[in-house]
Amino acid sequence: MTYSPKKRATKKDQLIRLLGTKSGSDIRSLSTKLGWQQHTTRAALSGLRKAGYEVASEKPVSGGVSRYRILSAPESQQGTKAAAETNGA
């Protein structure tokens, strides 16, 4: 039997997963789930944008808090994700 350690999900991985949902997430929820302060969460969103992710901010027409979600990932991330899905990972 071969031992293969599972890759531990980083906070960045968790952030990408939370923003990858159809409804996205707001800053307060992201901060709570990741254990970050709100300004750290906003900085992480900026970092994703700089890394090539297209992050949209959507404010409800009726008012309320803005929600953020990833519309597209950088070319290198999309290729890796597609390869993982093809290989059954």
N, C-alpha and C. Protein backbone atom coordinates (compact mmCIF):
# COMPACT_ATOMS: atom_id res chain seq x y z
N MET A 1 0.85 -1.18 0.00
CA MET A 1 0.00 0.00 0.00
C MET A 1 0.89 1.24 0.00
N THR A 2 0.58 2.18 -0.85
CA THR A 2 1.37 3.40 -0.97
C THR A 2 0.70 4.53 -0.20
N TYR A 3 1.51 5.28 0.52
CA TYR A 3 1.00 6.44 1.26
C TYR A 3 1.05 7.65 0.36
N SER A 4 -0.09 8.32 0.20
CA SER A 4 -0.11 9.56 -0.58
C SER A 4 -0.81 10.63 0.24
N PRO A 5 -0.03 11.56 0.77
CA PRO A 5 -0.65 12.61 1.59
C PRO A 5 -1.57 13.48 0.75
N LYS A 6 -2.69 13.85 1.35
CA LYS A 6 -3.62 14.72 0.64
C LYS A 6 -3.12 16.16 0.73
N LYS A 7 -3.31 16.87 -0.36
CA LYS A 7 -2.93 18.27 -0.38
C LYS A 7 -3.87 19.06 0.52
N ARG A 8 -3.30 19.81 1.40
CA ARG A 8 -4.09 20.63 2.32
C ARG A 8 -4.57 21.88 1.59
N ALA A 9 -5.83 22.18 1.72
CA ALA A 9 -6.40 23.35 1.06
C ALA A 9 -5.89 24.62 1.75
N THR A 10 -5.32 25.51 0.96
CA THR A 10 -4.84 26.77 1.50
C THR A 10 -6.00 27.75 1.63
N LYS A 11 -5.76 28.85 2.31
CA LYS A 11 -6.80 29.87 2.44
C LYS A 11 -7.15 30.42 1.06
N LYS A 12 -6.15 30.54 0.19
CA LYS A 12 -6.42 31.01 -1.17
C LYS A 12 -7.33 30.03 -1.90
N ASP A 13 -7.07 28.74 -1.75
CA ASP A 13 -7.93 27.72 -2.37
C ASP A 13 -9.36 27.83 -1.84
N GLN A 14 -9.47 28.03 -0.53
CA GLN A 14 -10.79 28.17 0.08
C GLN A 14 -11.51 29.41 -0.45
N LEU A 15 -10.78 30.52 -0.57
CA LEU A 15 -11.35 31.76 -1.09
C LEU A 15 -11.85 31.56 -2.52
N ILE A 16 -11.05 30.92 -3.33
CA ILE A 16 -11.44 30.67 -4.73
C ILE A 16 -12.68 29.79 -4.79
N ARG A 17 -12.74 28.77 -3.93
CA ARG A 17 -13.92 27.90 -3.91
C ARG A 17 -15.17 28.67 -3.49
N LEU A 18 -15.05 29.53 -2.46
CA LEU A 18 -16.19 30.31 -1.99
C LEU A 18 -16.66 31.32 -3.04
N LEU A 19 -15.72 31.90 -3.77
CA LEU A 19 -16.08 32.88 -4.80
C LEU A 19 -16.53 32.22 -6.10
N GLY A 20 -16.28 30.93 -6.22
CA GLY A 20 -16.62 30.22 -7.44
C GLY A 20 -18.07 29.77 -7.49
N THR A 21 -18.82 29.96 -6.42
CA THR A 21 -20.22 29.57 -6.42
C THR A 21 -21.05 30.54 -7.27
N LYS A 22 -22.20 30.09 -7.70
CA LYS A 22 -23.07 30.91 -8.55
C LYS A 22 -23.48 32.22 -7.87
N SER A 23 -23.75 32.15 -6.57
CA SER A 23 -24.20 33.35 -5.85
C SER A 23 -23.05 34.18 -5.28
N GLY A 24 -21.84 33.61 -5.25
CA GLY A 24 -20.71 34.34 -4.70
C GLY A 24 -20.82 34.49 -3.20
N SER A 25 -20.16 35.50 -2.66
CA SER A 25 -20.18 35.71 -1.21
C SER A 25 -19.86 37.17 -0.91
N ASP A 26 -20.25 37.61 0.28
CA ASP A 26 -19.95 38.99 0.69
C ASP A 26 -18.70 39.00 1.57
N ILE A 27 -18.14 40.17 1.78
CA ILE A 27 -16.90 40.33 2.54
C ILE A 27 -17.04 39.78 3.96
N ARG A 28 -18.13 40.08 4.62
CA ARG A 28 -18.31 39.63 6.01
C ARG A 28 -18.29 38.10 6.09
N SER A 29 -19.02 37.44 5.21
CA SER A 29 -19.07 35.97 5.22
C SER A 29 -17.70 35.37 4.91
N LEU A 30 -17.03 35.93 3.90
CA LEU A 30 -15.70 35.45 3.55
C LEU A 30 -14.74 35.59 4.73
N SER A 31 -14.78 36.76 5.36
CA SER A 31 -13.88 37.03 6.48
C SER A 31 -14.13 36.05 7.63
N THR A 32 -15.39 35.80 7.91
CA THR A 32 -15.74 34.87 9.00
C THR A 32 -15.27 33.46 8.69
N LYS A 33 -15.54 32.99 7.47
CA LYS A 33 -15.19 31.62 7.10
C LYS A 33 -13.69 31.40 7.03
N LEU A 34 -12.95 32.44 6.64
CA LEU A 34 -11.50 32.30 6.50
C LEU A 34 -10.73 32.73 7.76
N GLY A 35 -11.41 33.37 8.70
CA GLY A 35 -10.75 33.82 9.91
C GLY A 35 -9.87 35.05 9.67
N TRP A 36 -10.25 35.85 8.69
CA TRP A 36 -9.50 37.06 8.34
C TRP A 36 -10.29 38.29 8.74
N GLN A 37 -9.57 39.42 8.87
CA GLN A 37 -10.24 40.70 9.03
C GLN A 37 -10.73 41.14 7.65
N GLN A 38 -11.69 42.04 7.63
CA GLN A 38 -12.29 42.42 6.34
C GLN A 38 -11.29 43.09 5.41
N HIS A 39 -10.38 43.89 5.93
CA HIS A 39 -9.40 44.53 5.04
C HIS A 39 -8.44 43.50 4.44
N THR A 40 -8.18 42.42 5.16
CA THR A 40 -7.33 41.34 4.63
C THR A 40 -8.07 40.62 3.51
N THR A 41 -9.35 40.41 3.67
CA THR A 41 -10.16 39.76 2.64
C THR A 41 -10.19 40.60 1.37
N ARG A 42 -10.36 41.92 1.52
CA ARG A 42 -10.36 42.79 0.34
C ARG A 42 -8.99 42.77 -0.35
N ALA A 43 -7.92 42.72 0.42
CA ALA A 43 -6.57 42.63 -0.16
C ALA A 43 -6.40 41.32 -0.92
N ALA A 44 -6.94 40.23 -0.39
CA ALA A 44 -6.87 38.94 -1.07
C ALA A 44 -7.63 38.96 -2.39
N LEU A 45 -8.77 39.67 -2.42
CA LEU A 45 -9.52 39.82 -3.67
C LEU A 45 -8.68 40.58 -4.70
N SER A 46 -7.99 41.61 -4.25
CA SER A 46 -7.11 42.36 -5.15
C SER A 46 -5.99 41.47 -5.67
N GLY A 47 -5.46 40.62 -4.79
CA GLY A 47 -4.41 39.69 -5.20
C GLY A 47 -4.89 38.71 -6.25
N LEU A 48 -6.13 38.25 -6.12
CA LEU A 48 -6.69 37.36 -7.13
C LEU A 48 -6.80 38.08 -8.47
N ARG A 49 -7.25 39.32 -8.42
CA ARG A 49 -7.37 40.11 -9.66
C ARG A 49 -6.00 40.27 -10.32
N LYS A 50 -4.98 40.56 -9.53
CA LYS A 50 -3.63 40.73 -10.06
C LYS A 50 -3.10 39.42 -10.64
N ALA A 51 -3.55 38.30 -10.08
CA ALA A 51 -3.12 36.98 -10.56
C ALA A 51 -3.86 36.56 -11.82
N GLY A 52 -4.83 37.36 -12.27
CA GLY A 52 -5.52 37.08 -13.52
C GLY A 52 -6.95 36.59 -13.39
N TYR A 53 -7.46 36.49 -12.17
CA TYR A 53 -8.86 36.10 -11.98
C TYR A 53 -9.75 37.30 -12.28
N GLU A 54 -10.88 37.03 -12.91
CA GLU A 54 -11.87 38.09 -13.13
C GLU A 54 -12.89 37.99 -11.98
N VAL A 55 -12.79 38.95 -11.05
CA VAL A 55 -13.65 38.96 -9.87
C VAL A 55 -14.67 40.08 -10.04
N ALA A 56 -15.95 39.71 -10.01
CA ALA A 56 -17.02 40.69 -10.17
C ALA A 56 -17.59 41.08 -8.82
N SER A 57 -17.94 42.34 -8.71
CA SER A 57 -18.61 42.86 -7.52
C SER A 57 -20.02 43.23 -7.94
N GLU A 58 -21.00 42.68 -7.24
CA GLU A 58 -22.39 42.93 -7.60
C GLU A 58 -23.15 43.46 -6.39
N LYS A 59 -23.72 44.64 -6.54
CA LYS A 59 -24.51 45.24 -5.47
C LYS A 59 -25.99 45.06 -5.82
N PRO A 60 -26.78 44.52 -4.90
CA PRO A 60 -28.20 44.31 -5.18
C PRO A 60 -28.92 45.63 -5.49
N VAL A 61 -29.88 45.57 -6.38
CA VAL A 61 -30.66 46.75 -6.77
C VAL A 61 -31.41 47.29 -5.56
N SER A 62 -31.88 46.40 -4.71
CA SER A 62 -32.67 46.80 -3.55
C SER A 62 -31.79 47.31 -2.40
N GLY A 63 -30.50 47.39 -2.62
CA GLY A 63 -29.58 47.81 -1.56
C GLY A 63 -28.98 46.60 -0.88
N GLY A 64 -28.20 46.83 0.13
CA GLY A 64 -27.56 45.73 0.84
C GLY A 64 -26.08 45.66 0.53
N VAL A 65 -25.47 44.57 0.92
CA VAL A 65 -24.03 44.43 0.77
C VAL A 65 -23.66 43.87 -0.59
N SER A 66 -22.49 44.25 -1.05
CA SER A 66 -21.98 43.75 -2.33
C SER A 66 -21.56 42.30 -2.18
N ARG A 67 -21.78 41.55 -3.25
CA ARG A 67 -21.35 40.15 -3.30
C ARG A 67 -20.28 40.04 -4.37
N TYR A 68 -19.32 39.19 -4.12
CA TYR A 68 -18.21 39.00 -5.04
C TYR A 68 -18.22 37.57 -5.54
N ARG A 69 -17.84 37.39 -6.81
CA ARG A 69 -17.71 36.04 -7.35
C ARG A 69 -16.72 36.05 -8.50
N ILE A 70 -16.14 34.90 -8.73
CA ILE A 70 -15.17 34.75 -9.81
C ILE A 70 -15.92 34.44 -11.10
N LEU A 71 -15.65 35.25 -12.12
CA LEU A 71 -16.26 35.01 -13.43
C LEU A 71 -15.38 34.12 -14.29
N SER A 72 -14.05 34.31 -14.17
CA SER A 72 -13.12 33.46 -14.93
C SER A 72 -11.78 33.40 -14.22
N ALA A 73 -11.09 32.29 -14.43
CA ALA A 73 -9.78 32.07 -13.84
C ALA A 73 -8.71 32.33 -14.91
N PRO A 74 -7.47 32.57 -14.49
CA PRO A 74 -6.42 32.76 -15.48
C PRO A 74 -6.22 31.50 -16.32
N GLU A 75 -5.69 31.65 -17.49
CA GLU A 75 -5.47 30.56 -18.44
C GLU A 75 -4.77 29.36 -17.78
N SER A 76 -3.73 29.60 -17.00
CA SER A 76 -2.97 28.49 -16.39
C SER A 76 -3.82 27.72 -15.40
N GLN A 77 -4.71 28.38 -14.67
CA GLN A 77 -5.57 27.72 -13.69
C GLN A 77 -6.66 26.91 -14.38
N GLN A 78 -7.18 27.41 -15.49
CA GLN A 78 -8.24 26.70 -16.20
C GLN A 78 -7.70 25.40 -16.78
N GLY A 79 -6.49 25.42 -17.31
CA GLY A 79 -5.88 24.21 -17.86
C GLY A 79 -5.65 23.17 -16.80
N THR A 80 -5.20 23.58 -15.63
CA THR A 80 -4.96 22.67 -14.52
C THR A 80 -6.27 22.06 -14.04
N LYS A 81 -7.31 22.87 -13.93
CA LYS A 81 -8.61 22.39 -13.48
C LYS A 81 -9.19 21.38 -14.48
N ALA A 82 -9.08 21.69 -15.76
CA ALA A 82 -9.60 20.80 -16.79
C ALA A 82 -8.85 19.46 -16.78
N ALA A 83 -7.54 19.50 -16.58
CA ALA A 83 -6.75 18.28 -16.54
C ALA A 83 -7.14 17.44 -15.33
N ALA A 84 -7.38 18.08 -14.20
CA ALA A 84 -7.77 17.35 -12.99
C ALA A 84 -9.13 16.69 -13.19
N GLU A 85 -10.05 17.39 -13.84
CA GLU A 85 -11.37 16.81 -14.08
C GLU A 85 -11.30 15.64 -15.04
N THR A 86 -10.43 15.75 -16.04
CA THR A 86 -10.26 14.68 -17.01
C THR A 86 -9.67 13.45 -16.36
N ASN A 87 -8.72 13.65 -15.43
CA ASN A 87 -8.06 12.53 -14.76
C ASN A 87 -8.85 11.99 -13.58
N GLY A 88 -10.02 12.56 -13.32
CA GLY A 88 -10.86 12.07 -12.24
C GLY A 88 -10.46 12.55 -10.88
N ALA A 89 -9.66 13.60 -10.79
CA ALA A 89 -9.25 14.12 -9.49
C ALA A 89 -10.27 15.03 -8.91
